[in-house]
């Protein structure tokens, strides 16, 4: 049975619906809680999927002893990507993938003159569409949950799949078996409130003192379609990772 090897960087950002849908598809889910001191996995068996989740740290923190696993994780991602093995990165995981592929990762800025920007909360993302099967069944634009302050340049030979006005590089495919997603589609019921509570300082820095209240107030409006769309995207991507020729 193929497995999802989930690299978890912080306690509140587990696999969520990625793990649940993976199990529905017959996959086993192995969580490597790096945040709790678990070691990085070795080279996953052929056919297994490496899933790098989000976290509050960033590529700029590589070498910081608080997150000593980051440098080894980048090396693991590089090996997997060079081998054409299946990889999925979410938020921080997407940034680590971009870095592993030689692209620049840096703080997100907007405007002229540019100012620091944190993209946090509900907002639209626009998909590339076309014949990209990972996007099958999705509208041209969908509302997702954003939760990041860094961005990345598109790696060489990567295919851009999604953008926002503030952050043009939101999702890419590298080869046929690697997908990087900057936004979040994995949340399950209750996660939004947990994130707003546990990451209150980041939300305030992004959206002001009432930013968390607005995210929670908007959740009932956006969550039904978000969950439907997110499940479709997750299932599409896992299907592509497991059988790139289909």
Protein backbone atom coordinates (compact mmCIF):
# COMPACT_ATOMS: atom_id res chain seq x y z
CA UNK A 1 0.00 0.00 0.00
CA UNK A 2 1.50 3.39 -0.97
CA UNK A 3 1.93 5.87 1.85
CA UNK A 4 1.85 9.60 2.42
CA UNK A 5 4.91 10.65 4.44
CA UNK A 6 3.78 13.89 6.09
CA UNK A 7 6.43 16.30 7.38
CA UNK A 8 4.78 18.33 10.16
CA UNK A 9 6.56 21.54 11.21
CA UNK A 10 4.20 22.95 13.85
CA UNK A 11 1.53 21.22 15.96
CA UNK A 12 -1.45 23.09 14.47
CA UNK A 13 -0.62 22.32 10.82
CA UNK A 14 -1.12 18.62 10.28
CA UNK A 15 -2.19 16.85 7.12
CA UNK A 16 -5.89 17.53 7.72
CA UNK A 17 -7.99 16.66 4.68
CA UNK A 18 -4.91 15.58 2.73
CA UNK A 19 -4.54 12.68 5.14
CA UNK A 20 -8.25 11.93 5.27
CA UNK A 21 -8.63 11.87 1.49
CA UNK A 22 -5.42 9.85 1.18
CA UNK A 23 -6.92 7.18 3.45
CA UNK A 24 -10.15 7.22 1.42
CA UNK A 25 -7.98 6.51 -1.63
CA UNK A 26 -6.39 3.52 0.07
CA UNK A 27 -3.16 5.16 1.21
CA UNK A 28 -1.56 4.87 4.60
CA UNK A 29 -0.53 8.09 6.32
CA UNK A 30 2.73 8.33 8.24
CA UNK A 31 3.24 11.61 10.11
CA UNK A 32 6.79 12.69 10.92
CA UNK A 33 6.29 15.30 13.66
CA UNK A 34 9.50 17.25 13.13
CA UNK A 35 8.15 19.85 15.57
CA UNK A 36 8.29 17.22 18.31
CA UNK A 37 11.79 16.05 17.48
CA UNK A 38 10.93 13.19 15.14
CA UNK A 39 13.71 12.45 12.63
CA UNK A 40 13.34 13.07 8.94
CA UNK A 41 12.42 9.96 7.00
CA UNK A 42 14.95 8.37 4.73
CA UNK A 43 14.38 8.16 1.00
CA UNK A 44 10.69 7.09 0.85
CA UNK A 45 9.94 3.83 -0.97
CA UNK A 46 9.10 4.08 -4.65
CA UNK A 47 5.50 5.20 -5.12
CA UNK A 48 5.17 6.82 -1.71
CA UNK A 49 4.36 10.54 -1.58
CA UNK A 50 6.37 13.04 0.45
CA UNK A 51 4.10 15.80 1.82
CA UNK A 52 5.71 18.90 3.35
CA UNK A 53 3.21 20.94 5.38
CA UNK A 54 3.16 24.57 6.51
CA UNK A 55 4.75 26.31 9.47
CA UNK A 56 5.63 29.64 11.02
CA UNK A 57 9.32 29.39 10.11
CA UNK A 58 10.69 30.08 6.65
CA UNK A 59 13.50 29.46 4.21
CA UNK A 60 15.33 32.37 5.83
CA UNK A 61 15.43 30.33 9.05
CA UNK A 62 17.50 27.51 7.57
CA UNK A 63 20.44 27.13 9.93
CA UNK A 64 18.53 28.40 12.97
CA UNK A 65 19.02 25.79 15.73
CA UNK A 66 15.36 26.08 16.72
CA UNK A 67 14.44 24.42 13.43
CA UNK A 68 17.46 22.27 12.76
CA UNK A 69 15.40 19.92 10.57
CA UNK A 70 15.00 22.50 7.78
CA UNK A 71 18.39 21.98 6.11
CA UNK A 72 17.96 18.22 6.04
CA UNK A 73 14.42 18.60 4.75
CA UNK A 74 15.62 20.70 1.81
CA UNK A 75 18.17 17.99 0.97
CA UNK A 76 15.42 15.36 1.12
CA UNK A 77 13.20 17.44 -1.16
CA UNK A 78 16.07 17.93 -3.60
CA UNK A 79 16.65 14.18 -3.80
CA UNK A 80 12.98 13.45 -4.34
CA UNK A 81 12.52 16.16 -6.96
CA UNK A 82 15.64 15.17 -8.89
CA UNK A 83 14.48 11.56 -8.88
CA UNK A 84 11.03 12.49 -10.22
CA UNK A 85 9.43 11.05 -7.08
CA UNK A 86 6.01 12.33 -5.93
CA UNK A 87 6.12 15.45 -3.73
CA UNK A 88 3.44 17.79 -2.44
CA UNK A 89 4.25 21.01 -0.58
CA UNK A 90 1.75 23.23 1.26
CA UNK A 91 2.64 26.84 2.18
CA UNK A 92 6.06 26.51 3.87
CA UNK A 93 6.38 23.18 2.08
CA UNK A 94 5.84 24.95 -1.25
CA UNK A 95 8.49 27.52 -0.35
CA UNK A 96 10.95 24.79 0.62
CA UNK A 97 10.28 23.06 -2.71
CA UNK A 98 10.95 26.29 -4.62
CA UNK A 99 14.18 26.76 -2.66
CA UNK A 100 15.21 23.15 -3.30
CA UNK A 101 14.71 23.80 -7.02
CA UNK A 102 16.99 26.84 -6.92
CA UNK A 103 14.37 29.59 -6.87
CA UNK A 104 14.49 32.64 -4.63
CA UNK A 105 12.22 32.73 -1.55
CA UNK A 106 11.72 36.11 0.11
CA UNK A 107 9.29 38.33 2.09
CA UNK A 108 6.18 39.30 0.16
CA UNK A 109 5.97 43.00 -0.69
CA UNK A 110 3.41 45.05 -2.60
CA UNK A 111 3.07 48.61 -3.90
CA UNK A 112 5.43 51.30 -5.13
CA UNK A 113 7.39 52.00 -3.05
CA UNK A 114 7.06 48.44 -1.84
CA UNK A 115 5.87 47.61 1.66
CA UNK A 116 5.77 44.34 3.57
CA UNK A 117 2.56 42.38 3.01
CA UNK A 118 1.14 39.34 4.77
CA UNK A 119 -1.59 37.53 2.86
CA UNK A 120 -3.83 36.20 5.63
CA UNK A 121 -7.52 35.30 5.52
CA UNK A 122 -10.13 34.44 2.92
CA UNK A 123 -9.36 35.56 -0.60
CA UNK A 124 -9.68 34.58 -4.23
CA UNK A 125 -7.05 32.67 -6.16
CA UNK A 126 -7.10 32.46 -9.96
CA UNK A 127 -6.21 29.16 -11.62
CA UNK A 128 -4.41 28.68 -14.92
CA UNK A 129 -7.03 26.26 -16.21
CA UNK A 130 -6.42 24.72 -19.61
CA UNK A 131 -5.76 20.98 -19.71
CA UNK A 132 -4.10 20.84 -16.28
CA UNK A 133 -5.75 17.84 -14.69
CA UNK A 134 -4.97 18.89 -11.12
CA UNK A 135 -7.41 21.77 -11.68
CA UNK A 136 -10.23 19.71 -13.20
CA UNK A 137 -13.64 20.63 -11.82
CA UNK A 138 -12.53 23.94 -10.32
CA UNK A 139 -13.81 27.38 -11.28
CA UNK A 140 -11.42 29.87 -12.85
CA UNK A 141 -11.30 31.62 -9.46
CA UNK A 142 -12.02 30.17 -6.04
CA UNK A 143 -11.91 31.53 -2.49
CA UNK A 144 -9.23 29.88 -0.37
CA UNK A 145 -7.58 30.53 2.97
CA UNK A 146 -4.26 32.38 2.75
CA UNK A 147 -1.79 32.37 5.66
CA UNK A 148 1.69 33.46 4.63
CA UNK A 149 4.14 36.34 4.57
CA UNK A 150 6.77 34.99 2.17
CA UNK A 151 6.68 34.22 -1.53
CA UNK A 152 8.96 32.65 -4.14
CA UNK A 153 10.04 33.03 -7.73
CA UNK A 154 8.77 30.37 -10.11
CA UNK A 155 11.49 27.69 -10.42
CA UNK A 156 13.00 26.98 -13.83
CA UNK A 157 10.91 24.49 -15.82
CA UNK A 158 7.98 24.74 -13.38
CA UNK A 159 4.43 25.32 -14.66
CA UNK A 160 2.48 28.09 -12.92
CA UNK A 161 -1.01 26.94 -11.93
CA UNK A 162 -2.46 29.66 -9.67
CA UNK A 163 -1.98 33.33 -8.76
CA UNK A 164 -3.36 36.21 -6.71
CA UNK A 165 -2.90 39.93 -7.37
CA UNK A 166 -0.62 40.33 -4.35
CA UNK A 167 1.26 37.06 -4.83
CA UNK A 168 1.58 35.89 -8.46
CA UNK A 169 3.18 32.52 -7.69
CA UNK A 170 0.59 30.57 -5.69
CA UNK A 171 0.83 27.06 -7.11
CA UNK A 172 3.13 25.25 -9.50
CA UNK A 173 3.79 21.84 -10.94
CA UNK A 174 7.33 20.58 -11.49
CA UNK A 175 7.51 17.67 -13.90
CA UNK A 176 4.54 15.33 -13.57
CA UNK A 177 4.94 14.29 -9.92
CA UNK A 178 5.54 17.41 -7.85
CA UNK A 179 3.04 20.08 -6.82
CA UNK A 180 3.60 23.15 -4.65
CA UNK A 181 0.59 25.02 -3.20
CA UNK A 182 1.12 28.30 -1.33
CA UNK A 183 -2.47 28.62 -0.06
CA UNK A 184 -4.30 26.22 2.24
CA UNK A 185 -6.88 23.64 1.21
CA UNK A 186 -6.29 21.06 3.95
CA UNK A 187 -8.21 22.58 6.85
CA UNK A 188 -10.90 20.58 8.62
CA UNK A 189 -13.76 21.84 10.80
CA UNK A 190 -12.47 23.84 13.73
CA UNK A 191 -9.03 24.55 12.28
CA UNK A 192 -9.83 28.16 11.36
CA UNK A 193 -10.67 29.11 14.94
CA UNK A 194 -7.58 27.29 16.19
CA UNK A 195 -5.32 29.11 13.73
CA UNK A 196 -6.82 32.50 14.58
CA UNK A 197 -6.27 31.82 18.28
CA UNK A 198 -2.83 30.22 18.12
CA UNK A 199 -1.41 32.61 15.52
CA UNK A 200 -3.08 35.77 16.80
CA UNK A 201 0.03 37.96 16.56
CA UNK A 202 0.55 37.08 12.89
CA UNK A 203 -3.10 37.74 12.09
CA UNK A 204 -2.94 41.11 13.84
CA UNK A 205 0.25 42.06 11.98
CA UNK A 206 -1.46 41.20 8.69
CA UNK A 207 -4.98 42.53 9.19
CA UNK A 208 -5.04 44.74 12.28
CA UNK A 209 -6.57 44.16 15.71
CA UNK A 210 -9.91 42.93 14.36
CA UNK A 211 -8.51 40.75 11.59
CA UNK A 212 -9.13 37.51 13.42
CA UNK A 213 -12.75 38.41 14.08
CA UNK A 214 -13.27 39.08 10.37
CA UNK A 215 -11.77 35.72 9.35
CA UNK A 216 -14.08 33.90 11.78
CA UNK A 217 -17.10 35.95 10.72
CA UNK A 218 -16.50 35.14 7.05
CA UNK A 219 -15.87 31.42 7.61
CA UNK A 220 -19.53 30.28 7.47
CA UNK A 221 -19.95 32.09 4.16
CA UNK A 222 -16.91 30.62 2.45
CA UNK A 223 -16.34 27.27 4.16
CA UNK A 224 -18.90 25.11 2.28
CA UNK A 225 -17.50 25.83 -1.19
CA UNK A 226 -13.95 25.99 0.17
CA UNK A 227 -14.24 22.47 1.53
CA UNK A 228 -15.82 21.17 -1.68
CA UNK A 229 -13.18 22.85 -3.85
CA UNK A 230 -10.33 21.89 -1.54
CA UNK A 231 -11.30 18.23 -1.52
CA UNK A 232 -11.48 18.21 -5.31
CA UNK A 233 -8.04 19.81 -5.63
CA UNK A 234 -6.49 17.44 -3.09
CA UNK A 235 -7.96 14.40 -4.80
CA UNK A 236 -6.86 15.64 -8.23
CA UNK A 237 -3.30 16.23 -7.05
CA UNK A 238 -2.97 12.92 -5.19
CA UNK A 239 -4.32 11.08 -8.24
CA UNK A 240 -1.73 12.79 -10.44
CA UNK A 241 1.09 12.05 -7.99
CA UNK A 242 0.18 8.38 -7.75
CA UNK A 243 -0.35 7.81 -11.47
CA UNK A 244 1.19 10.59 -13.58
CA UNK A 245 0.42 8.76 -16.84
CA UNK A 246 -3.34 8.55 -16.30
